[in-house]
Amino acid sequence: MSIRRIDIIPKTRHHMRMRTTLSLDDEVVALVKRYAESRSLGLGKAVSELVRRGLTAQRPTRTVNGLRIFDLPADSPRVTRKLIEEIESDDL
């Protein structure tokens, strides 16, 4: 999987500019570009909107035997003991 880097320079706020470099997968860049073009937005504004939406999205949950759980989408990969062990053994 290749990763493309993009620079985002938001509008000046509080008399300063902030520049951030993000590393995004190629398919994510393509999706963000399509989103930005369909709404006549700059790339930085589109990324900001999408991140904000993702972080504030409601996650439907329910309580089962006192535990708060949420249901994954049907197409989500299965979470197995092997997968958990692989994730735990990954060096970050």
PDB file of N, CA and C in Angstrom:
ATOM      1  N   MET A   1       0.845  -1.160   0.000  1.00  0.00           N
ATOM      2  CA  MET A   1       0.000   0.000   0.000  1.00  0.00           C
ATOM      3  C   MET A   1       0.903   1.241   0.000  1.00  0.00           C
ATOM      4  N   SER A   2       0.704   2.125  -0.957  1.00  0.00           N
ATOM      5  CA  SER A   2       1.544   3.316  -1.002  1.00  0.00           C
ATOM      6  C   SER A   2       0.869   4.444  -0.232  1.00  0.00           C
ATOM      7  N   ILE A   3       1.693   5.336   0.247  1.00  0.00           N
ATOM      8  CA  ILE A   3       1.209   6.468   1.035  1.00  0.00           C
ATOM      9  C   ILE A   3       1.671   7.742   0.346  1.00  0.00           C
ATOM     10  N   ARG A   4       0.753   8.683   0.185  1.00  0.00           N
ATOM     11  CA  ARG A   4       1.070   9.962  -0.432  1.00  0.00           C
ATOM     12  C   ARG A   4       1.046  11.027   0.646  1.00  0.00           C
ATOM     13  N   ARG A   5       1.976  11.946   0.603  1.00  0.00           N
ATOM     14  CA  ARG A   5       2.028  13.027   1.585  1.00  0.00           C
ATOM     15  C   ARG A   5       1.435  14.288   0.959  1.00  0.00           C
ATOM     16  N   ILE A   6       0.630  14.989   1.740  1.00  0.00           N
ATOM     17  CA  ILE A   6       0.075  16.254   1.291  1.00  0.00           C
ATOM     18  C   ILE A   6       0.305  17.293   2.373  1.00  0.00           C
ATOM     19  N   ASP A   7       0.499  18.526   1.960  1.00  0.00           N
ATOM     20  CA  ASP A   7       0.650  19.625   2.902  1.00  0.00           C
ATOM     21  C   ASP A   7      -0.652  20.404   2.943  1.00  0.00           C
ATOM     22  N   ILE A   8      -1.072  20.778   4.133  1.00  0.00           N
ATOM     23  CA  ILE A   8      -2.298  21.531   4.313  1.00  0.00           C
ATOM     24  C   ILE A   8      -1.957  22.826   5.027  1.00  0.00           C
ATOM     25  N   ILE A   9      -2.338  23.945   4.429  1.00  0.00           N
ATOM     26  CA  ILE A   9      -2.093  25.248   5.042  1.00  0.00           C
ATOM     27  C   ILE A   9      -3.452  25.924   5.239  1.00  0.00           C
ATOM     28  N   PRO A  10      -3.968  25.923   6.482  1.00  0.00           N
ATOM     29  CA  PRO A  10      -5.269  26.551   6.711  1.00  0.00           C
ATOM     30  C   PRO A  10      -5.166  28.074   6.657  1.00  0.00           C
ATOM     31  N   LYS A  11      -6.312  28.742   6.548  1.00  0.00           N
ATOM     32  CA  LYS A  11      -6.348  30.199   6.542  1.00  0.00           C
ATOM     33  C   LYS A  11      -5.758  30.749   7.832  1.00  0.00           C
ATOM     34  N   THR A  12      -5.285  31.978   7.760  1.00  0.00           N
ATOM     35  CA  THR A  12      -4.683  32.620   8.930  1.00  0.00           C
ATOM     36  C   THR A  12      -5.739  32.830  10.013  1.00  0.00           C
ATOM     37  N   ARG A  13      -5.386  32.444  11.211  1.00  0.00           N
ATOM     38  CA  ARG A  13      -6.240  32.655  12.378  1.00  0.00           C
ATOM     39  C   ARG A  13      -5.348  33.100  13.511  1.00  0.00           C
ATOM     40  N   HIS A  14      -5.807  34.042  14.265  1.00  0.00           N
ATOM     41  CA  HIS A  14      -5.048  34.557  15.405  1.00  0.00           C
ATOM     42  C   HIS A  14      -3.655  35.005  14.973  1.00  0.00           C
ATOM     43  N   HIS A  15      -3.553  35.598  13.809  1.00  0.00           N
ATOM     44  CA  HIS A  15      -2.323  36.201  13.310  1.00  0.00           C
ATOM     45  C   HIS A  15      -1.185  35.204  13.114  1.00  0.00           C
ATOM     46  N   MET A  16      -1.500  33.970  12.847  1.00  0.00           N
ATOM     47  CA  MET A  16      -0.450  33.007  12.571  1.00  0.00           C
ATOM     48  C   MET A  16      -0.965  31.962  11.593  1.00  0.00           C
ATOM     49  N   ARG A  17      -0.045  31.324  10.903  1.00  0.00           N
ATOM     50  CA  ARG A  17      -0.403  30.248   9.990  1.00  0.00           C
ATOM     51  C   ARG A  17       0.192  28.962  10.533  1.00  0.00           C
ATOM     52  N   MET A  18      -0.516  27.875  10.315  1.00  0.00           N
ATOM     53  CA  MET A  18      -0.019  26.589  10.763  1.00  0.00           C
ATOM     54  C   MET A  18       0.044  25.668   9.555  1.00  0.00           C
ATOM     55  N   ARG A  19       1.154  24.992   9.399  1.00  0.00           N
ATOM     56  CA  ARG A  19       1.328  24.062   8.294  1.00  0.00           C
ATOM     57  C   ARG A  19       1.481  22.667   8.888  1.00  0.00           C
ATOM     58  N   THR A  20       0.729  21.724   8.327  1.00  0.00           N
ATOM     59  CA  THR A  20       0.753  20.353   8.824  1.00  0.00           C
ATOM     60  C   THR A  20       0.968  19.415   7.655  1.00  0.00           C
ATOM     61  N   THR A  21       1.818  18.422   7.841  1.00  0.00           N
ATOM     62  CA  THR A  21       2.018  17.394   6.823  1.00  0.00           C
ATOM     63  C   THR A  21       1.338  16.124   7.288  1.00  0.00           C
ATOM     64  N   LEU A  22       0.494  15.575   6.427  1.00  0.00           N
ATOM     65  CA  LEU A  22      -0.206  14.327   6.732  1.00  0.00           C
ATOM     66  C   LEU A  22       0.275  13.238   5.793  1.00  0.00           C
ATOM     67  N   SER A  23       0.376  12.027   6.294  1.00  0.00           N
ATOM     68  CA  SER A  23       0.669  10.870   5.453  1.00  0.00           C
ATOM     69  C   SER A  23      -0.634  10.105   5.276  1.00  0.00           C
ATOM     70  N   LEU A  24      -1.134  10.080   4.050  1.00  0.00           N
ATOM     71  CA  LEU A  24      -2.416   9.437   3.767  1.00  0.00           C
ATOM     72  C   LEU A  24      -2.239   8.372   2.700  1.00  0.00           C
ATOM     73  N   ASP A  25      -3.011   7.305   2.808  1.00  0.00           N
ATOM     74  CA  ASP A  25      -3.023   6.284   1.774  1.00  0.00           C
ATOM     75  C   ASP A  25      -3.531   6.902   0.467  1.00  0.00           C
ATOM     76  N   ASP A  26      -3.037   6.385  -0.657  1.00  0.00           N
ATOM     77  CA  ASP A  26      -3.436   6.908  -1.967  1.00  0.00           C
ATOM     78  C   ASP A  26      -4.949   6.913  -2.148  1.00  0.00           C
ATOM     79  N   GLU A  27      -5.612   5.823  -1.714  1.00  0.00           N
ATOM     80  CA  GLU A  27      -7.064   5.760  -1.905  1.00  0.00           C
ATOM     81  C   GLU A  27      -7.782   6.802  -1.057  1.00  0.00           C
ATOM     82  N   VAL A  28      -7.223   7.149   0.109  1.00  0.00           N
ATOM     83  CA  VAL A  28      -7.820   8.181   0.959  1.00  0.00           C
ATOM     84  C   VAL A  28      -7.659   9.549   0.293  1.00  0.00           C
ATOM     85  N   VAL A  29      -6.491   9.808  -0.273  1.00  0.00           N
ATOM     86  CA  VAL A  29      -6.264  11.078  -0.973  1.00  0.00           C
ATOM     87  C   VAL A  29      -7.262  11.222  -2.114  1.00  0.00           C
ATOM     88  N   ALA A  30      -7.464  10.154  -2.870  1.00  0.00           N
ATOM     89  CA  ALA A  30      -8.416  10.205  -3.987  1.00  0.00           C
ATOM     90  C   ALA A  30      -9.829  10.496  -3.489  1.00  0.00           C
ATOM     91  N   LEU A  31     -10.226   9.861  -2.398  1.00  0.00           N
ATOM     92  CA  LEU A  31     -11.566  10.094  -1.847  1.00  0.00           C
ATOM     93  C   LEU A  31     -11.718  11.527  -1.340  1.00  0.00           C
ATOM     94  N   VAL A  32     -10.701  12.033  -0.656  1.00  0.00           N
ATOM     95  CA  VAL A  32     -10.765  13.404  -0.139  1.00  0.00           C
ATOM     96  C   VAL A  32     -10.800  14.400  -1.292  1.00  0.00           C
ATOM     97  N   LYS A  33     -10.013  14.155  -2.325  1.00  0.00           N
ATOM     98  CA  LYS A  33     -10.028  15.058  -3.493  1.00  0.00           C
ATOM     99  C   LYS A  33     -11.414  15.087  -4.130  1.00  0.00           C
ATOM    100  N   ARG A  34     -12.014  13.909  -4.274  1.00  0.00           N
ATOM    101  CA  ARG A  34     -13.359  13.836  -4.863  1.00  0.00           C
ATOM    102  C   ARG A  34     -14.360  14.589  -3.978  1.00  0.00           C
ATOM    103  N   TYR A  35     -14.265  14.401  -2.664  1.00  0.00           N
ATOM    104  CA  TYR A  35     -15.138  15.096  -1.721  1.00  0.00           C
ATOM    105  C   TYR A  35     -14.950  16.609  -1.857  1.00  0.00           C
ATOM    106  N   ALA A  36     -13.685  17.040  -1.877  1.00  0.00           N
ATOM    107  CA  ALA A  36     -13.381  18.478  -1.969  1.00  0.00           C
ATOM    108  C   ALA A  36     -13.916  19.075  -3.266  1.00  0.00           C
ATOM    109  N   GLU A  37     -13.678  18.391  -4.378  1.00  0.00           N
ATOM    110  CA  GLU A  37     -14.132  18.904  -5.678  1.00  0.00           C
ATOM    111  C   GLU A  37     -15.650  18.984  -5.753  1.00  0.00           C
ATOM    112  N   SER A  38     -16.341  17.988  -5.189  1.00  0.00           N
ATOM    113  CA  SER A  38     -17.803  17.980  -5.258  1.00  0.00           C
ATOM    114  C   SER A  38     -18.427  19.098  -4.430  1.00  0.00           C
ATOM    115  N   ARG A  39     -17.659  19.665  -3.516  1.00  0.00           N
ATOM    116  CA  ARG A  39     -18.169  20.733  -2.653  1.00  0.00           C
ATOM    117  C   ARG A  39     -17.429  22.055  -2.854  1.00  0.00           C
ATOM    118  N   SER A  40     -16.584  22.106  -3.870  1.00  0.00           N
ATOM    119  CA  SER A  40     -15.797  23.310  -4.172  1.00  0.00           C
ATOM    120  C   SER A  40     -14.999  23.768  -2.955  1.00  0.00           C
ATOM    121  N   LEU A  41     -14.321  22.825  -2.323  1.00  0.00           N
ATOM    122  CA  LEU A  41     -13.502  23.117  -1.147  1.00  0.00           C
ATOM    123  C   LEU A  41     -12.033  22.883  -1.469  1.00  0.00           C
ATOM    124  N   GLY A  42     -11.172  23.552  -0.716  1.00  0.00           N
ATOM    125  CA  GLY A  42      -9.761  23.233  -0.772  1.00  0.00           C
ATOM    126  C   GLY A  42      -9.519  21.910  -0.061  1.00  0.00           C
ATOM    127  N   LEU A  43      -8.382  21.294  -0.342  1.00  0.00           N
ATOM    128  CA  LEU A  43      -8.071  19.997   0.242  1.00  0.00           C
ATOM    129  C   LEU A  43      -8.003  20.065   1.773  1.00  0.00           C
ATOM    130  N   GLY A  44      -7.376  21.093   2.311  1.00  0.00           N
ATOM    131  CA  GLY A  44      -7.263  21.237   3.759  1.00  0.00           C
ATOM    132  C   GLY A  44      -8.613  21.370   4.427  1.00  0.00           C
ATOM    133  N   LYS A  45      -9.488  22.177   3.847  1.00  0.00           N
ATOM    134  CA  LYS A  45     -10.839  22.360   4.393  1.00  0.00           C
ATOM    135  C   LYS A  45     -11.610  21.050   4.344  1.00  0.00           C
ATOM    136  N   ALA A  46     -11.466  20.296   3.240  1.00  0.00           N
ATOM    137  CA  ALA A  46     -12.161  19.010   3.115  1.00  0.00           C
ATOM    138  C   ALA A  46     -11.680  18.026   4.169  1.00  0.00           C
ATOM    139  N   VAL A  47     -10.361  17.945   4.361  1.00  0.00           N
ATOM    140  CA  VAL A  47      -9.824  17.037   5.381  1.00  0.00           C
ATOM    141  C   VAL A  47     -10.338  17.450   6.762  1.00  0.00           C
ATOM    142  N   SER A  48     -10.332  18.740   7.054  1.00  0.00           N
ATOM    143  CA  SER A  48     -10.826  19.221   8.349  1.00  0.00           C
ATOM    144  C   SER A  48     -12.282  18.835   8.562  1.00  0.00           C
ATOM    145  N   GLU A  49     -13.121  19.039   7.548  1.00  0.00           N
ATOM    146  CA  GLU A  49     -14.537  18.683   7.669  1.00  0.00           C
ATOM    147  C   GLU A  49     -14.715  17.189   7.919  1.00  0.00           C
ATOM    148  N   LEU A  50     -14.002  16.370   7.153  1.00  0.00           N
ATOM    149  CA  LEU A  50     -14.155  14.921   7.282  1.00  0.00           C
ATOM    150  C   LEU A  50     -13.654  14.411   8.628  1.00  0.00           C
ATOM    151  N   VAL A  51     -12.547  14.952   9.096  1.00  0.00           N
ATOM    152  CA  VAL A  51     -12.031  14.542  10.401  1.00  0.00           C
ATOM    153  C   VAL A  51     -13.006  14.960  11.499  1.00  0.00           C
ATOM    154  N   ARG A  52     -13.481  16.182  11.414  1.00  0.00           N
ATOM    155  CA  ARG A  52     -14.431  16.676  12.418  1.00  0.00           C
ATOM    156  C   ARG A  52     -15.692  15.809  12.433  1.00  0.00           C
ATOM    157  N   ARG A  53     -16.208  15.470  11.247  1.00  0.00           N
ATOM    158  CA  ARG A  53     -17.404  14.613  11.169  1.00  0.00           C
ATOM    159  C   ARG A  53     -17.126  13.243  11.776  1.00  0.00           C
ATOM    160  N   GLY A  54     -15.968  12.685  11.461  1.00  0.00           N
ATOM    161  CA  GLY A  54     -15.628  11.369  11.986  1.00  0.00           C
ATOM    162  C   GLY A  54     -15.480  11.354  13.494  1.00  0.00           C
ATOM    163  N   LEU A  55     -14.909  12.418  14.037  1.00  0.00           N
ATOM    164  CA  LEU A  55     -14.688  12.475  15.479  1.00  0.00           C
ATOM    165  C   LEU A  55     -15.952  12.763  16.275  1.00  0.00           C
ATOM    166  N   THR A  56     -16.933  13.379  15.626  1.00  0.00           N
ATOM    167  CA  THR A  56     -18.164  13.717  16.337  1.00  0.00           C
ATOM    168  C   THR A  56     -19.326  12.798  15.970  1.00  0.00           C
ATOM    169  N   ALA A  57     -19.085  11.807  15.126  1.00  0.00           N
ATOM    170  CA  ALA A  57     -20.157  10.900  14.701  1.00  0.00           C
ATOM    171  C   ALA A  57     -20.692  10.110  15.888  1.00  0.00           C
ATOM    172  N   GLN A  58     -21.996   9.956  15.905  1.00  0.00           N
ATOM    173  CA  GLN A  58     -22.618   9.154  16.944  1.00  0.00           C
ATOM    174  C   GLN A  58     -22.324   7.692  16.688  1.00  0.00           C
ATOM    175  N   ARG A  59     -21.958   6.989  17.723  1.00  0.00           N
ATOM    176  CA  ARG A  59     -21.704   5.559  17.620  1.00  0.00           C
ATOM    177  C   ARG A  59     -22.796   4.840  18.401  1.00  0.00           C
ATOM    178  N   PRO A  60     -23.710   4.193  17.673  1.00  0.00           N
ATOM    179  CA  PRO A  60     -24.802   3.528  18.387  1.00  0.00           C
ATOM    180  C   PRO A  60     -24.267   2.418  19.289  1.00  0.00           C
ATOM    181  N   THR A  61     -24.665   2.458  20.534  1.00  0.00           N
ATOM    182  CA  THR A  61     -24.220   1.459  21.499  1.00  0.00           C
ATOM    183  C   THR A  61     -25.433   0.895  22.221  1.00  0.00           C
ATOM    184  N   ARG A  62     -25.190  -0.204  22.889  1.00  0.00           N
ATOM    185  CA  ARG A  62     -26.230  -0.799  23.723  1.00  0.00           C
ATOM    186  C   ARG A  62     -25.542  -1.429  24.929  1.00  0.00           C
ATOM    187  N   THR A  63     -26.325  -1.706  25.940  1.00  0.00           N
ATOM    188  CA  THR A  63     -25.781  -2.312  27.148  1.00  0.00           C
ATOM    189  C   THR A  63     -26.192  -3.781  27.205  1.00  0.00           C
ATOM    190  N   VAL A  64     -25.213  -4.650  27.400  1.00  0.00           N
ATOM    191  CA  VAL A  64     -25.456  -6.083  27.537  1.00  0.00           C
ATOM    192  C   VAL A  64     -24.774  -6.541  28.818  1.00  0.00           C
ATOM    193  N   ASN A  65     -25.562  -7.041  29.745  1.00  0.00           N
ATOM    194  CA  ASN A  65     -25.036  -7.509  31.035  1.00  0.00           C
ATOM    195  C   ASN A  65     -24.139  -6.459  31.701  1.00  0.00           C
ATOM    196  N   GLY A  66     -24.541  -5.201  31.604  1.00  0.00           N
ATOM    197  CA  GLY A  66     -23.805  -4.134  32.253  1.00  0.00           C
ATOM    198  C   GLY A  66     -22.610  -3.603  31.464  1.00  0.00           C
ATOM    199  N   LEU A  67     -22.308  -4.188  30.296  1.00  0.00           N
ATOM    200  CA  LEU A  67     -21.192  -3.717  29.470  1.00  0.00           C
ATOM    201  C   LEU A  67     -21.711  -2.909  28.295  1.00  0.00           C
ATOM    202  N   ARG A  68     -21.056  -1.810  28.006  1.00  0.00           N
ATOM    203  CA  ARG A  68     -21.418  -0.965  26.871  1.00  0.00           C
ATOM    204  C   ARG A  68     -20.759  -1.545  25.641  1.00  0.00           C
ATOM    205  N   ILE A  69     -21.534  -1.903  24.619  1.00  0.00           N
ATOM    206  CA  ILE A  69     -20.978  -2.477  23.393  1.00  0.00           C
ATOM    207  C   ILE A  69     -21.529  -1.755  22.174  1.00  0.00           C
ATOM    208  N   PHE A  70     -20.866  -1.925  21.050  1.00  0.00           N
ATOM    209  CA  PHE A  70     -21.379  -1.397  19.791  1.00  0.00           C
ATOM    210  C   PHE A  70     -21.239  -2.491  18.743  1.00  0.00           C
ATOM    211  N   ASP A  71     -22.127  -2.460  17.773  1.00  0.00           N
ATOM    212  CA  ASP A  71     -22.122  -3.446  16.709  1.00  0.00           C
ATOM    213  C   ASP A  71     -21.305  -2.928  15.536  1.00  0.00           C
ATOM    214  N   LEU A  72     -20.432  -3.774  15.037  1.00  0.00           N
ATOM    215  CA  LEU A  72     -19.620  -3.425  13.876  1.00  0.00           C
ATOM    216  C   LEU A  72     -20.443  -3.584  12.610  1.00  0.00           C
ATOM    217  N   PRO A  73     -20.086  -2.845  11.545  1.00  0.00           N
ATOM    218  CA  PRO A  73     -20.765  -3.051  10.262  1.00  0.00           C
ATOM    219  C   PRO A  73     -20.573  -4.495   9.790  1.00  0.00           C
ATOM    220  N   ALA A  74     -21.517  -4.979   9.005  1.00  0.00           N
ATOM    221  CA  ALA A  74     -21.492  -6.375   8.554  1.00  0.00           C
ATOM    222  C   ALA A  74     -20.221  -6.720   7.784  1.00  0.00           C
ATOM    223  N   ASP A  75     -19.644  -5.751   7.083  1.00  0.00           N
ATOM    224  CA  ASP A  75     -18.448  -6.032   6.277  1.00  0.00           C
ATOM    225  C   ASP A  75     -17.142  -5.849   7.040  1.00  0.00           C
ATOM    226  N   SER A  76     -17.217  -5.639   8.340  1.00  0.00           N
ATOM    227  CA  SER A  76     -16.000  -5.489   9.152  1.00  0.00           C
ATOM    228  C   SER A  76     -15.267  -6.823   9.241  1.00  0.00           C
ATOM    229  N   PRO A  77     -13.926  -6.778   9.274  1.00  0.00           N
ATOM    230  CA  PRO A  77     -13.184  -8.030   9.436  1.00  0.00           C
ATOM    231  C   PRO A  77     -13.483  -8.644  10.802  1.00  0.00           C
ATOM    232  N   ARG A  78     -13.462  -9.944  10.847  1.00  0.00           N
ATOM    233  CA  ARG A  78     -13.710 -10.662  12.097  1.00  0.00           C
ATOM    234  C   ARG A  78     -12.560 -10.450  13.066  1.00  0.00           C
ATOM    235  N   VAL A  79     -12.882 -10.182  14.309  1.00  0.00           N
ATOM    236  CA  VAL A  79     -11.868 -10.017  15.346  1.00  0.00           C
ATOM    237  C   VAL A  79     -11.649 -11.386  15.982  1.00  0.00           C
ATOM    238  N   THR A  80     -10.469 -11.935  15.762  1.00  0.00           N
ATOM    239  CA  THR A  80     -10.148 -13.258  16.286  1.00  0.00           C
ATOM    240  C   THR A  80      -9.044 -13.131  17.327  1.00  0.00           C
ATOM    241  N   ARG A  81      -8.858 -14.188  18.105  1.00  0.00           N
ATOM    242  CA  ARG A  81      -7.777 -14.204  19.089  1.00  0.00           C
ATOM    243  C   ARG A  81      -6.434 -14.019  18.379  1.00  0.00           C
ATOM    244  N   LYS A  82      -6.275 -14.664  17.215  1.00  0.00           N
ATOM    245  CA  LYS A  82      -5.024 -14.555  16.452  1.00  0.00           C
ATOM    246  C   LYS A  82      -4.761 -13.099  16.049  1.00  0.00           C
ATOM    247  N   LEU A  83      -5.800 -12.419  15.571  1.00  0.00           N
ATOM    248  CA  LEU A  83      -5.653 -11.017  15.184  1.00  0.00           C
ATOM    249  C   LEU A  83      -5.259 -10.159  16.381  1.00  0.00           C
ATOM    250  N   ILE A  84      -5.897 -10.382  17.508  1.00  0.00           N
ATOM    251  CA  ILE A  84      -5.572  -9.621  18.723  1.00  0.00           C
ATOM    252  C   ILE A  84      -4.119  -9.866  19.125  1.00  0.00           C
ATOM    253  N   GLU A  85      -3.682 -11.123  19.067  1.00  0.00           N
ATOM    254  CA  GLU A  85      -2.288 -11.431  19.420  1.00  0.00           C
ATOM    255  C   GLU A  85      -1.325 -10.756  18.461  1.00  0.00           C
ATOM    256  N   GLU A  86      -1.674 -10.715  17.166  1.00  0.00           N
ATOM    257  CA  GLU A  86      -0.808 -10.039  16.186  1.00  0.00           C
ATOM    258  C   GLU A  86      -0.723  -8.552  16.477  1.00  0.00           C
ATOM    259  N   ILE A  87      -1.842  -7.956  16.779  1.00  0.00           N
ATOM    260  CA  ILE A  87      -1.867  -6.520  17.076  1.00  0.00           C
ATOM    261  C   ILE A  87      -1.051  -6.230  18.339  1.00  0.00           C
ATOM    262  N   GLU A  88      -1.228  -7.052  19.353  1.00  0.00           N
ATOM    263  CA  GLU A  88      -0.490  -6.853  20.603  1.00  0.00           C
ATOM    264  C   GLU A  88       1.011  -7.025  20.420  1.00  0.00           C
ATOM    265  N   SER A  89       1.421  -7.883  19.482  1.00  0.00           N
ATOM    266  CA  SER A  89       2.848  -8.123  19.297  1.00  0.00           C
ATOM    267  C   SER A  89       3.505  -7.126  18.356  1.00  0.00           C
ATOM    268  N   ASP A  90       2.694  -6.317  17.652  1.00  0.00           N
ATOM    269  CA  ASP A  90       3.256  -5.313  16.735  1.00  0.00           C
ATOM    270  C   ASP A  90       4.058  -4.280  17.495  1.00  0.00           C
ATOM    271  N   ASP A  91       5.229  -3.963  16.969  1.00  0.00           N
ATOM    272  CA  ASP A  91       6.036  -2.889  17.536  1.00  0.00           C
ATOM    273  C   ASP A  91       5.594  -1.601  16.904  1.00  0.00           C
ATOM    274  N   LEU A  92       5.226  -0.649  17.720  1.00  0.00           N
ATOM    275  CA  LEU A  92       4.788   0.644  17.190  1.00  0.00           C
ATOM    276  C   LEU A  92       5.920   1.539  17.054  1.00  0.00           C
TER     277      LEU A  92
END
